[in-house]
Amino acid sequence: MHRPAGRRPAPRFGPPDAAVSGVPYETHIALHQEVPTRDNPHDLLNGLVWLAHTALKWRLNALQAQALAEQGVQQRRGPLRDALTVFDENGALWPNPDPLLLQAWQQRDWQALFVRHRARWREQQVWVFGHALLDSLLHAPRKGLTAHVLIHPDPVALDVAAWTGKPFLPLPLCGIPGWWPGQDAPHFYEDPKVFRPLRNLNRPTGP
């Protein structure tokens, strides 16, 4: 298969003990282009995401490895590594949301987002990116599963400052039309434990 010029190939997938003791997981991947992989669904899904979103996974890895090289392994991840990890584990991609849906979403107007403007979802594409989130959808699906969604047409181009600011919006995946049974039941979208109101209207709600 022809690979577009300049496109970096996917990594190899090695045994879980491939990394040298004391070398951080992300550093090993960056140095050896190899992802230590356990024989379980979680790591299988991570591998599939690597194959589906290779450029973005390499970008996340490069930023993680750079932060580790500069700061070392700390007791707590810094803001950048925390944001990258949240997205890598629990993120989703919605590159070009419909403006009406985006406005309702930013205001946490779930009725407008999922009910009044429901027909607009036919033209929308949302991709679950986080492998932990995929694992939960596979093995422990529940109404409250919420993705940290990145809205950007080219997330590979985001710089350190953008990632550090956690440019995500929360999206209960069960609300997406067709993604969960029982959406036609009365009061489905009125569950405040899942479809939470915006706490502070003066707070920024998007990237």
N, C-alpha and C. Protein backbone atom coordinates (compact mmCIF):
# COMPACT_ATOMS: atom_id res chain seq x y z
N MET A 1 0.85 -1.20 0.00
CA MET A 1 0.00 0.00 0.00
C MET A 1 0.89 1.25 0.00
N HIS A 2 0.55 2.20 -0.84
CA HIS A 2 1.33 3.43 -0.91
C HIS A 2 1.06 4.29 0.31
N ARG A 3 2.12 4.81 0.94
CA ARG A 3 1.98 5.67 2.10
C ARG A 3 2.26 7.11 1.67
N PRO A 4 1.38 8.06 2.01
CA PRO A 4 1.62 9.45 1.64
C PRO A 4 2.97 9.94 2.13
N ALA A 5 3.63 10.75 1.34
CA ALA A 5 4.95 11.26 1.69
C ALA A 5 4.91 11.98 3.03
N GLY A 6 5.88 11.69 3.90
CA GLY A 6 5.98 12.38 5.17
C GLY A 6 5.14 11.78 6.28
N ARG A 7 4.34 10.78 5.96
CA ARG A 7 3.49 10.19 6.99
C ARG A 7 4.28 9.15 7.76
N ARG A 8 4.29 9.28 9.07
CA ARG A 8 5.04 8.36 9.91
C ARG A 8 4.27 7.06 10.07
N PRO A 9 4.92 5.92 9.94
CA PRO A 9 4.20 4.65 10.05
C PRO A 9 3.79 4.37 11.49
N ALA A 10 2.88 3.43 11.64
CA ALA A 10 2.47 3.00 12.98
C ALA A 10 3.64 2.30 13.67
N PRO A 11 3.65 2.28 15.00
CA PRO A 11 4.74 1.61 15.72
C PRO A 11 4.61 0.10 15.65
N ARG A 12 5.65 -0.56 16.12
CA ARG A 12 5.55 -2.00 16.36
C ARG A 12 4.83 -2.21 17.69
N PHE A 13 4.34 -3.42 17.90
CA PHE A 13 3.71 -3.77 19.17
C PHE A 13 4.49 -4.93 19.75
N GLY A 14 5.13 -4.66 20.91
CA GLY A 14 5.99 -5.65 21.52
C GLY A 14 5.42 -6.20 22.81
N PRO A 15 6.14 -7.12 23.44
CA PRO A 15 5.67 -7.71 24.70
C PRO A 15 5.65 -6.67 25.81
N PRO A 16 4.86 -6.91 26.85
CA PRO A 16 4.72 -5.90 27.92
C PRO A 16 6.01 -5.61 28.66
N ASP A 17 6.96 -6.55 28.64
CA ASP A 17 8.22 -6.33 29.35
C ASP A 17 9.31 -5.81 28.43
N ALA A 18 8.90 -5.28 27.25
CA ALA A 18 9.89 -4.80 26.29
C ALA A 18 10.67 -3.60 26.82
N ALA A 19 10.00 -2.73 27.54
CA ALA A 19 10.65 -1.52 28.04
C ALA A 19 11.70 -1.87 29.09
N VAL A 20 12.83 -1.18 29.04
CA VAL A 20 13.89 -1.36 30.04
C VAL A 20 13.39 -0.84 31.38
N SER A 21 13.73 -1.53 32.44
CA SER A 21 13.29 -1.13 33.77
C SER A 21 13.72 0.31 34.06
N GLY A 22 12.77 1.10 34.53
CA GLY A 22 13.05 2.48 34.87
C GLY A 22 12.81 3.46 33.74
N VAL A 23 12.59 2.97 32.53
CA VAL A 23 12.31 3.85 31.39
C VAL A 23 10.80 4.04 31.28
N PRO A 24 10.32 5.27 31.33
CA PRO A 24 8.88 5.49 31.24
C PRO A 24 8.29 4.91 29.95
N TYR A 25 7.06 4.48 30.04
CA TYR A 25 6.34 3.88 28.91
C TYR A 25 6.39 4.77 27.68
N GLU A 26 6.05 6.05 27.84
CA GLU A 26 6.02 6.96 26.69
C GLU A 26 7.42 7.17 26.11
N THR A 27 8.44 7.21 26.97
CA THR A 27 9.81 7.38 26.50
C THR A 27 10.25 6.18 25.67
N HIS A 28 9.90 4.98 26.12
CA HIS A 28 10.25 3.78 25.37
C HIS A 28 9.64 3.82 23.97
N ILE A 29 8.37 4.21 23.88
CA ILE A 29 7.70 4.28 22.58
C ILE A 29 8.43 5.27 21.67
N ALA A 30 8.76 6.43 22.21
CA ALA A 30 9.42 7.46 21.41
C ALA A 30 10.80 7.03 20.94
N LEU A 31 11.56 6.33 21.78
CA LEU A 31 12.92 5.94 21.44
C LEU A 31 12.97 4.75 20.48
N HIS A 32 12.03 3.82 20.65
CA HIS A 32 12.13 2.55 19.93
C HIS A 32 11.00 2.31 18.93
N GLN A 33 10.04 3.26 18.85
CA GLN A 33 8.89 3.09 17.95
C GLN A 33 8.18 1.76 18.20
N GLU A 34 8.10 1.41 19.48
CA GLU A 34 7.49 0.15 19.89
C GLU A 34 6.58 0.38 21.09
N VAL A 35 5.38 -0.17 21.03
CA VAL A 35 4.42 -0.03 22.11
C VAL A 35 4.35 -1.33 22.91
N PRO A 36 4.83 -1.34 24.16
CA PRO A 36 4.66 -2.54 24.99
C PRO A 36 3.17 -2.84 25.14
N THR A 37 2.79 -4.08 24.87
CA THR A 37 1.37 -4.42 24.77
C THR A 37 1.06 -5.70 25.54
N ARG A 38 0.13 -5.60 26.46
CA ARG A 38 -0.33 -6.77 27.20
C ARG A 38 -1.42 -7.49 26.41
N ASP A 39 -1.64 -8.73 26.76
CA ASP A 39 -2.65 -9.53 26.07
C ASP A 39 -4.00 -9.33 26.76
N ASN A 40 -4.58 -8.16 26.55
CA ASN A 40 -5.89 -7.88 27.13
C ASN A 40 -6.65 -6.90 26.23
N PRO A 41 -7.96 -6.77 26.40
CA PRO A 41 -8.75 -5.88 25.52
C PRO A 41 -8.31 -4.43 25.58
N HIS A 42 -7.91 -3.95 26.76
CA HIS A 42 -7.52 -2.55 26.91
C HIS A 42 -6.36 -2.21 25.96
N ASP A 43 -5.32 -3.05 25.97
CA ASP A 43 -4.17 -2.78 25.12
C ASP A 43 -4.46 -3.08 23.66
N LEU A 44 -5.33 -4.04 23.40
CA LEU A 44 -5.76 -4.28 22.01
C LEU A 44 -6.43 -3.05 21.44
N LEU A 45 -7.31 -2.43 22.20
CA LEU A 45 -7.99 -1.23 21.73
C LEU A 45 -7.01 -0.08 21.56
N ASN A 46 -6.03 0.00 22.45
CA ASN A 46 -5.01 1.03 22.28
C ASN A 46 -4.27 0.83 20.95
N GLY A 47 -3.95 -0.42 20.64
CA GLY A 47 -3.29 -0.70 19.38
C GLY A 47 -4.14 -0.34 18.18
N LEU A 48 -5.44 -0.60 18.26
CA LEU A 48 -6.32 -0.25 17.16
C LEU A 48 -6.41 1.26 16.97
N VAL A 49 -6.39 2.00 18.08
CA VAL A 49 -6.40 3.46 17.96
C VAL A 49 -5.10 3.93 17.32
N TRP A 50 -3.99 3.31 17.69
CA TRP A 50 -2.71 3.64 17.04
C TRP A 50 -2.82 3.47 15.52
N LEU A 51 -3.46 2.41 15.09
CA LEU A 51 -3.58 2.14 13.66
C LEU A 51 -4.56 3.10 12.98
N ALA A 52 -5.60 3.49 13.69
CA ALA A 52 -6.63 4.35 13.10
C ALA A 52 -6.24 5.83 13.13
N HIS A 53 -5.51 6.25 14.15
CA HIS A 53 -5.15 7.67 14.33
C HIS A 53 -3.65 7.79 14.59
N THR A 54 -2.87 7.24 13.67
CA THR A 54 -1.43 7.14 13.89
C THR A 54 -0.77 8.49 14.13
N ALA A 55 -1.06 9.47 13.30
CA ALA A 55 -0.40 10.78 13.43
C ALA A 55 -0.70 11.44 14.77
N LEU A 56 -1.94 11.36 15.21
CA LEU A 56 -2.31 11.98 16.48
C LEU A 56 -1.69 11.25 17.66
N LYS A 57 -1.65 9.92 17.60
CA LYS A 57 -1.01 9.17 18.69
C LYS A 57 0.48 9.49 18.77
N TRP A 58 1.15 9.64 17.62
CA TRP A 58 2.56 10.02 17.65
C TRP A 58 2.73 11.41 18.24
N ARG A 59 1.81 12.32 17.93
CA ARG A 59 1.89 13.67 18.47
C ARG A 59 1.75 13.65 20.00
N LEU A 60 0.79 12.91 20.50
CA LEU A 60 0.62 12.81 21.95
C LEU A 60 1.85 12.21 22.59
N ASN A 61 2.40 11.17 21.96
CA ASN A 61 3.59 10.52 22.51
C ASN A 61 4.79 11.47 22.53
N ALA A 62 4.96 12.23 21.45
CA ALA A 62 6.08 13.16 21.39
C ALA A 62 6.00 14.21 22.49
N LEU A 63 4.80 14.72 22.75
CA LEU A 63 4.63 15.73 23.80
C LEU A 63 4.87 15.10 25.18
N GLN A 64 4.39 13.87 25.38
CA GLN A 64 4.63 13.19 26.66
C GLN A 64 6.12 12.95 26.86
N ALA A 65 6.79 12.46 25.83
CA ALA A 65 8.22 12.15 25.95
C ALA A 65 9.04 13.42 26.18
N GLN A 66 8.67 14.50 25.53
CA GLN A 66 9.38 15.76 25.72
C GLN A 66 9.21 16.26 27.15
N ALA A 67 7.99 16.18 27.67
CA ALA A 67 7.74 16.61 29.05
C ALA A 67 8.52 15.75 30.03
N LEU A 68 8.59 14.46 29.79
CA LEU A 68 9.35 13.57 30.67
C LEU A 68 10.84 13.87 30.61
N ALA A 69 11.33 14.17 29.41
CA ALA A 69 12.75 14.50 29.27
C ALA A 69 13.11 15.78 30.00
N GLU A 70 12.19 16.74 30.01
CA GLU A 70 12.46 18.03 30.63
C GLU A 70 12.23 18.01 32.14
N GLN A 71 11.24 17.25 32.60
CA GLN A 71 10.81 17.32 33.99
C GLN A 71 11.08 16.04 34.77
N GLY A 72 11.35 14.94 34.07
CA GLY A 72 11.50 13.66 34.74
C GLY A 72 10.15 13.14 35.21
N VAL A 73 10.19 12.00 35.87
CA VAL A 73 8.96 11.41 36.41
C VAL A 73 8.66 12.05 37.75
N GLN A 74 7.54 12.72 37.83
CA GLN A 74 7.14 13.41 39.06
C GLN A 74 6.06 12.61 39.78
N GLN A 75 5.87 12.92 41.05
CA GLN A 75 4.82 12.25 41.80
C GLN A 75 3.46 12.51 41.18
N ARG A 76 3.28 13.72 40.66
CA ARG A 76 2.06 14.06 39.94
C ARG A 76 2.42 14.51 38.53
N ARG A 77 1.57 14.14 37.59
CA ARG A 77 1.77 14.65 36.24
C ARG A 77 1.54 16.16 36.24
N GLY A 78 2.29 16.87 35.43
CA GLY A 78 2.03 18.29 35.27
C GLY A 78 0.78 18.50 34.44
N PRO A 79 0.37 19.77 34.27
CA PRO A 79 -0.86 20.07 33.52
C PRO A 79 -0.85 19.52 32.10
N LEU A 80 0.30 19.58 31.43
CA LEU A 80 0.36 19.09 30.05
C LEU A 80 0.17 17.59 30.00
N ARG A 81 0.93 16.86 30.77
CA ARG A 81 0.83 15.40 30.74
C ARG A 81 -0.52 14.92 31.23
N ASP A 82 -1.09 15.65 32.18
CA ASP A 82 -2.42 15.29 32.66
C ASP A 82 -3.46 15.42 31.55
N ALA A 83 -3.39 16.53 30.82
CA ALA A 83 -4.34 16.74 29.72
C ALA A 83 -4.17 15.69 28.63
N LEU A 84 -2.92 15.39 28.28
CA LEU A 84 -2.65 14.39 27.25
C LEU A 84 -3.16 13.02 27.66
N THR A 85 -2.96 12.68 28.93
CA THR A 85 -3.39 11.38 29.41
C THR A 85 -4.91 11.28 29.45
N VAL A 86 -5.57 12.34 29.90
CA VAL A 86 -7.03 12.36 29.92
C VAL A 86 -7.58 12.11 28.52
N PHE A 87 -7.01 12.80 27.54
CA PHE A 87 -7.51 12.64 26.18
C PHE A 87 -7.17 11.26 25.62
N ASP A 88 -5.96 10.81 25.86
CA ASP A 88 -5.54 9.51 25.33
C ASP A 88 -6.40 8.38 25.89
N GLU A 89 -6.81 8.49 27.13
CA GLU A 89 -7.60 7.44 27.77
C GLU A 89 -9.10 7.63 27.56
N ASN A 90 -9.56 8.89 27.53
CA ASN A 90 -11.00 9.13 27.61
C ASN A 90 -11.51 10.14 26.59
N GLY A 91 -10.73 10.39 25.54
CA GLY A 91 -11.08 11.44 24.61
C GLY A 91 -11.94 10.99 23.45
N ALA A 92 -12.47 11.98 22.75
CA ALA A 92 -13.20 11.76 21.50
C ALA A 92 -12.94 12.95 20.59
N LEU A 93 -13.17 12.75 19.32
CA LEU A 93 -12.92 13.77 18.31
C LEU A 93 -14.22 14.14 17.62
N TRP A 94 -14.47 15.43 17.54
CA TRP A 94 -15.61 15.95 16.78
C TRP A 94 -15.06 17.15 16.01
N PRO A 95 -14.51 16.92 14.82
CA PRO A 95 -13.74 17.98 14.14
C PRO A 95 -14.54 19.22 13.77
N ASN A 96 -15.76 19.04 13.27
CA ASN A 96 -16.53 20.18 12.76
C ASN A 96 -17.99 20.09 13.19
N PRO A 97 -18.28 20.37 14.45
CA PRO A 97 -19.67 20.28 14.90
C PRO A 97 -20.55 21.33 14.25
N ASP A 98 -21.79 20.98 14.03
CA ASP A 98 -22.79 21.91 13.53
C ASP A 98 -22.86 23.11 14.50
N PRO A 99 -22.87 24.35 13.99
CA PRO A 99 -22.86 25.53 14.88
C PRO A 99 -24.01 25.55 15.88
N LEU A 100 -25.21 25.14 15.48
CA LEU A 100 -26.33 25.12 16.43
C LEU A 100 -26.10 24.09 17.52
N LEU A 101 -25.57 22.93 17.14
CA LEU A 101 -25.29 21.90 18.13
C LEU A 101 -24.18 22.36 19.07
N LEU A 102 -23.17 22.99 18.51
CA LEU A 102 -22.07 23.47 19.35
C LEU A 102 -22.55 24.51 20.35
N GLN A 103 -23.38 25.43 19.91
CA GLN A 103 -23.88 26.45 20.83
C GLN A 103 -24.69 25.83 21.96
N ALA A 104 -25.56 24.90 21.63
CA ALA A 104 -26.35 24.22 22.66
C ALA A 104 -25.45 23.44 23.60
N TRP A 105 -24.45 22.79 23.05
CA TRP A 105 -23.52 21.99 23.84
C TRP A 105 -22.73 22.87 24.80
N GLN A 106 -22.21 23.98 24.33
CA GLN A 106 -21.45 24.88 25.18
C GLN A 106 -22.29 25.41 26.34
N GLN A 107 -23.58 25.56 26.12
CA GLN A 107 -24.48 26.05 27.15
C GLN A 107 -25.06 24.92 27.99
N ARG A 108 -24.67 23.70 27.66
CA ARG A 108 -25.21 22.49 28.32
C ARG A 108 -26.75 22.45 28.21
N ASP A 109 -27.24 22.90 27.06
CA ASP A 109 -28.67 22.82 26.77
C ASP A 109 -28.91 21.47 26.11
N TRP A 110 -29.04 20.45 26.94
CA TRP A 110 -29.12 19.08 26.42
C TRP A 110 -30.39 18.85 25.61
N GLN A 111 -31.46 19.49 25.97
CA GLN A 111 -32.70 19.33 25.21
C GLN A 111 -32.53 19.86 23.79
N ALA A 112 -31.88 21.01 23.66
CA ALA A 112 -31.64 21.55 22.32
C ALA A 112 -30.65 20.67 21.56
N LEU A 113 -29.59 20.25 22.24
CA LEU A 113 -28.55 19.47 21.59
C LEU A 113 -29.07 18.13 21.07
N PHE A 114 -29.82 17.43 21.90
CA PHE A 114 -30.18 16.05 21.56
C PHE A 114 -31.63 15.85 21.12
N VAL A 115 -32.50 16.83 21.41
CA VAL A 115 -33.92 16.64 21.10
C VAL A 115 -34.38 17.62 20.01
N ARG A 116 -34.31 18.92 20.30
CA ARG A 116 -34.84 19.88 19.34
C ARG A 116 -34.04 19.89 18.03
N HIS A 117 -32.73 19.71 18.12
CA HIS A 117 -31.90 19.72 16.92
C HIS A 117 -31.46 18.30 16.53
N ARG A 118 -32.22 17.33 16.91
CA ARG A 118 -31.84 15.93 16.71
C ARG A 118 -31.55 15.61 15.24
N ALA A 119 -32.33 16.15 14.33
CA ALA A 119 -32.16 15.84 12.91
C ALA A 119 -30.79 16.24 12.39
N ARG A 120 -30.17 17.25 13.02
CA ARG A 120 -28.87 17.72 12.55
C ARG A 120 -27.75 16.71 12.81
N TRP A 121 -27.99 15.77 13.68
CA TRP A 121 -26.97 14.77 13.98
C TRP A 121 -26.71 13.84 12.80
N ARG A 122 -27.63 13.80 11.85
CA ARG A 122 -27.44 12.90 10.71
C ARG A 122 -26.19 13.23 9.92
N GLU A 123 -25.75 14.47 9.98
CA GLU A 123 -24.59 14.91 9.21
C GLU A 123 -23.32 15.01 10.07
N GLN A 124 -23.39 14.55 11.33
CA GLN A 124 -22.27 14.72 12.25
C GLN A 124 -21.46 13.44 12.37
N GLN A 125 -20.17 13.61 12.68
CA GLN A 125 -19.28 12.48 12.89
C GLN A 125 -18.50 12.69 14.18
N VAL A 126 -18.66 11.78 15.11
CA VAL A 126 -17.94 11.80 16.38
C VAL A 126 -17.17 10.49 16.48
N TRP A 127 -15.86 10.58 16.75
CA TRP A 127 -15.05 9.38 16.89
C TRP A 127 -14.57 9.25 18.34
N VAL A 128 -14.82 8.11 18.94
CA VAL A 128 -14.25 7.83 20.26
C VAL A 128 -12.78 7.49 20.05
N PHE A 129 -11.91 8.22 20.74
CA PHE A 129 -10.46 8.07 20.59
C PHE A 129 -9.83 7.34 21.77
N GLY A 130 -10.28 7.63 22.98
CA GLY A 130 -9.66 7.08 24.17
C GLY A 130 -9.87 5.58 24.29
N HIS A 131 -8.78 4.83 24.45
CA HIS A 131 -8.91 3.37 24.49
C HIS A 131 -9.54 2.89 25.79
N ALA A 132 -9.36 3.63 26.90
CA ALA A 132 -10.04 3.25 28.14
C ALA A 132 -11.55 3.45 28.00
N LEU A 133 -11.94 4.51 27.31
CA LEU A 133 -13.35 4.76 27.07
C LEU A 133 -13.94 3.68 26.17
N LEU A 134 -13.21 3.29 25.14
CA LEU A 134 -13.66 2.19 24.27
C LEU A 134 -13.80 0.90 25.07
N ASP A 135 -12.85 0.66 25.97
CA ASP A 135 -12.90 -0.53 26.82
C ASP A 135 -14.15 -0.51 27.69
N SER A 136 -14.47 0.65 28.24
CA SER A 136 -15.68 0.76 29.07
C SER A 136 -16.94 0.55 28.24
N LEU A 137 -16.98 1.10 27.04
CA LEU A 137 -18.13 0.91 26.17
C LEU A 137 -18.31 -0.56 25.81
N LEU A 138 -17.19 -1.28 25.72
CA LEU A 138 -17.25 -2.69 25.36
C LEU A 138 -17.64 -3.58 26.53
N HIS A 139 -17.06 -3.33 27.70
CA HIS A 139 -17.21 -4.25 28.82
C HIS A 139 -18.11 -3.75 29.94
N ALA A 140 -18.27 -2.45 30.07
CA ALA A 140 -19.10 -1.92 31.16
C ALA A 140 -19.88 -0.71 30.67
N PRO A 141 -20.67 -0.87 29.62
CA PRO A 141 -21.43 0.29 29.10
C PRO A 141 -22.44 0.77 30.13
N ARG A 142 -22.57 2.07 30.24
CA ARG A 142 -23.52 2.64 31.19
C ARG A 142 -23.88 4.04 30.73
N LYS A 143 -24.99 4.51 31.21
CA LYS A 143 -25.53 5.78 30.75
C LYS A 143 -24.60 6.95 31.07
N GLY A 144 -23.84 6.86 32.10
CA GLY A 144 -23.03 7.99 32.53
C GLY A 144 -21.69 8.14 31.85
N LEU A 145 -21.33 7.27 30.93
CA LEU A 145 -20.03 7.39 30.29
C LEU A 145 -19.94 8.71 29.51
N THR A 146 -18.94 9.49 29.83
CA THR A 146 -18.79 10.83 29.25
C THR A 146 -17.40 10.99 28.65
N ALA A 147 -17.35 11.48 27.44
CA ALA A 147 -16.08 11.68 26.74
C ALA A 147 -15.59 13.11 26.92
N HIS A 148 -14.27 13.27 26.91
CA HIS A 148 -13.63 14.59 26.84
C HIS A 148 -13.39 14.86 25.36
N VAL A 149 -14.20 15.71 24.78
CA VAL A 149 -14.22 15.87 23.33
C VAL A 149 -13.36 17.05 22.90
N LEU A 150 -12.53 16.78 21.90
CA LEU A 150 -11.69 17.81 21.31
C LEU A 150 -12.34 18.28 20.01
N ILE A 151 -12.53 19.59 19.91
CA ILE A 151 -13.11 20.19 18.71
C ILE A 151 -12.00 20.90 17.95
N HIS A 152 -11.52 20.26 16.91
CA HIS A 152 -10.45 20.88 16.13
C HIS A 152 -10.32 20.12 14.82
N PRO A 153 -10.23 20.81 13.68
CA PRO A 153 -10.12 20.10 12.41
C PRO A 153 -8.79 19.39 12.23
N ASP A 154 -7.75 19.83 12.96
CA ASP A 154 -6.43 19.21 12.85
C ASP A 154 -5.77 19.16 14.22
N PRO A 155 -6.16 18.21 15.06
CA PRO A 155 -5.62 18.17 16.43
C PRO A 155 -4.12 17.94 16.48
N VAL A 156 -3.54 17.36 15.43
CA VAL A 156 -2.09 17.15 15.41
C VAL A 156 -1.36 18.49 15.47
N ALA A 157 -2.00 19.54 15.01
CA ALA A 157 -1.37 20.86 14.96
C ALA A 157 -1.43 21.61 16.29
N LEU A 158 -2.14 21.11 17.28
CA LEU A 158 -2.25 21.82 18.55
C LEU A 158 -0.89 21.89 19.25
N ASP A 159 -0.59 23.06 19.82
CA ASP A 159 0.68 23.23 20.50
C ASP A 159 0.55 22.92 21.99
N VAL A 160 1.67 23.06 22.69
CA VAL A 160 1.72 22.73 24.11
C VAL A 160 0.72 23.56 24.91
N ALA A 161 0.66 24.85 24.63
CA ALA A 161 -0.24 25.72 25.38
C ALA A 161 -1.70 25.29 25.20
N ALA A 162 -2.06 24.92 23.98
CA ALA A 162 -3.43 24.50 23.73
C ALA A 162 -3.77 23.23 24.51
N TRP A 163 -2.88 22.25 24.46
CA TRP A 163 -3.15 21.01 25.20
C TRP A 163 -3.18 21.26 26.71
N THR A 164 -2.27 22.08 27.20
CA THR A 164 -2.22 22.34 28.64
C THR A 164 -3.52 22.95 29.15
N GLY A 165 -4.20 23.71 28.31
CA GLY A 165 -5.46 24.32 28.69
C GLY A 165 -6.65 23.37 28.68
N LYS A 166 -6.41 22.09 28.40
CA LYS A 166 -7.48 21.09 28.33
C LYS A 166 -8.66 21.59 27.49
N PRO A 167 -8.47 21.67 26.17
CA PRO A 167 -9.51 22.24 25.30
C PRO A 167 -10.62 21.25 25.00
N PHE A 168 -11.23 20.70 26.05
CA PHE A 168 -12.22 19.66 25.87
C PHE A 168 -13.60 20.13 26.34
N LEU A 169 -14.62 19.52 25.78
CA LEU A 169 -15.99 19.68 26.27
C LEU A 169 -16.52 18.30 26.65
N PRO A 170 -17.27 18.21 27.75
CA PRO A 170 -17.82 16.91 28.16
C PRO A 170 -19.04 16.54 27.32
N LEU A 171 -19.09 15.30 26.89
CA LEU A 171 -20.23 14.83 26.10
C LEU A 171 -20.67 13.46 26.58
N PRO A 172 -21.87 13.37 27.20
CA PRO A 172 -22.41 12.05 27.56
C PRO A 172 -22.72 11.27 26.28
N LEU A 173 -21.98 10.21 26.06
CA LEU A 173 -22.12 9.48 24.80
C LEU A 173 -23.49 8.85 24.61
N CYS A 174 -24.16 8.55 25.72
CA CYS A 174 -25.48 7.94 25.61
C CYS A 174 -26.51 8.90 25.02
N GLY A 175 -26.18 10.19 24.99
CA GLY A 175 -27.12 11.16 24.45
C GLY A 175 -27.11 11.24 22.94
N ILE A 176 -26.00 10.80 22.31
CA ILE A 176 -25.91 10.87 20.85
C ILE A 176 -27.00 10.00 20.24
N PRO A 177 -27.81 10.54 19.35
CA PRO A 177 -28.91 9.76 18.77
C PRO A 177 -28.44 8.42 18.21
N GLY A 178 -29.10 7.36 18.68
CA GLY A 178 -28.79 6.02 18.21
C GLY A 178 -27.70 5.31 18.99
N TRP A 179 -27.08 5.99 19.97
CA TRP A 179 -25.97 5.38 20.68
C TRP A 179 -26.39 4.67 21.97
N TRP A 180 -27.63 4.77 22.36
CA TRP A 180 -28.06 4.18 23.64
C TRP A 180 -29.54 3.86 23.57
N PRO A 181 -29.96 2.71 24.09
CA PRO A 181 -31.39 2.39 24.08
C PRO A 181 -32.16 3.27 25.07
N GLY A 182 -33.43 3.44 24.79
CA GLY A 182 -34.29 4.17 25.72
C GLY A 182 -34.28 5.66 25.58
N GLN A 183 -33.66 6.19 24.52
CA GLN A 183 -33.59 7.63 24.36
C GLN A 183 -34.96 8.27 24.14
N ASP A 184 -35.92 7.50 23.70
CA ASP A 184 -37.27 8.04 23.47
C ASP A 184 -38.13 8.04 24.73
N ALA A 185 -37.60 7.50 25.81
CA ALA A 185 -38.36 7.47 27.06
C ALA A 185 -38.50 8.88 27.62
N PRO A 186 -39.66 9.17 28.23
CA PRO A 186 -39.84 10.50 28.84
C PRO A 186 -38.74 10.78 29.88
N HIS A 187 -38.27 11.98 29.89
CA HIS A 187 -37.30 12.46 30.88
C HIS A 187 -35.91 11.81 30.74
N PHE A 188 -35.64 11.11 29.62
CA PHE A 188 -34.33 10.49 29.45
C PHE A 188 -33.21 11.52 29.59
N TYR A 189 -33.40 12.67 28.97
CA TYR A 189 -32.36 13.71 28.98
C TYR A 189 -32.46 14.66 30.17
N GLU A 190 -33.30 14.34 31.11
CA GLU A 190 -33.46 15.19 32.28
C GLU A 190 -32.77 14.62 33.51
N ASP A 191 -31.94 13.63 33.31
CA ASP A 191 -31.20 13.01 34.41
C ASP A 191 -30.00 13.90 34.76
N PRO A 192 -30.05 14.63 35.88
CA PRO A 192 -28.99 15.60 36.19
C PRO A 192 -27.66 14.94 36.55
N LYS A 193 -27.67 13.64 36.86
CA LYS A 193 -26.42 12.96 37.15
C LYS A 193 -25.59 12.72 35.89
N VAL A 194 -26.28 12.72 34.75
CA VAL A 194 -25.61 12.49 33.47
C VAL A 194 -25.55 13.78 32.66
N PHE A 195 -26.70 14.41 32.49
CA PHE A 195 -26.79 15.63 31.69
C PHE A 195 -26.77 16.84 32.64
N ARG A 196 -25.59 17.19 33.03
CA ARG A 196 -25.41 18.19 34.08
C ARG A 196 -25.52 19.60 33.52
N PRO A 197 -26.09 20.52 34.29
CA PRO A 197 -26.17 21.92 33.84
C PRO A 197 -24.80 22.58 33.91
N LEU A 198 -24.66 23.66 33.19
CA LEU A 198 -23.44 24.44 33.23
C LEU A 198 -23.37 25.15 34.57
N ARG A 199 -22.27 25.02 35.27
CA ARG A 199 -22.16 25.57 36.62
C ARG A 199 -22.02 27.07 36.62
N ASN A 200 -21.27 27.61 35.66
CA ASN A 200 -20.99 29.03 35.65
C ASN A 200 -21.02 29.52 34.21
N LEU A 201 -22.04 30.31 33.87
CA LEU A 201 -22.20 30.78 32.49
C LEU A 201 -21.10 31.74 32.07
N ASN A 202 -20.36 32.28 33.05
CA ASN A 202 -19.28 33.21 32.70
C ASN A 202 -17.95 32.49 32.46
N ARG A 203 -17.97 31.17 32.67
CA ARG A 203 -16.75 30.40 32.48
C ARG A 203 -16.62 29.97 31.02
N PRO A 204 -15.39 30.04 30.45
CA PRO A 204 -15.22 29.59 29.06
C PRO A 204 -15.68 28.14 28.90
N THR A 205 -16.34 27.84 27.79
CA THR A 205 -16.93 26.52 27.60
C THR A 205 -16.39 25.83 26.37
N GLY A 206 -15.35 26.28 25.80
CA GLY A 206 -14.84 25.61 24.61
C GLY A 206 -13.48 26.14 24.25
N PRO A 207 -12.88 25.53 23.24
CA PRO A 207 -11.54 25.93 22.87
C PRO A 207 -11.51 27.30 22.23
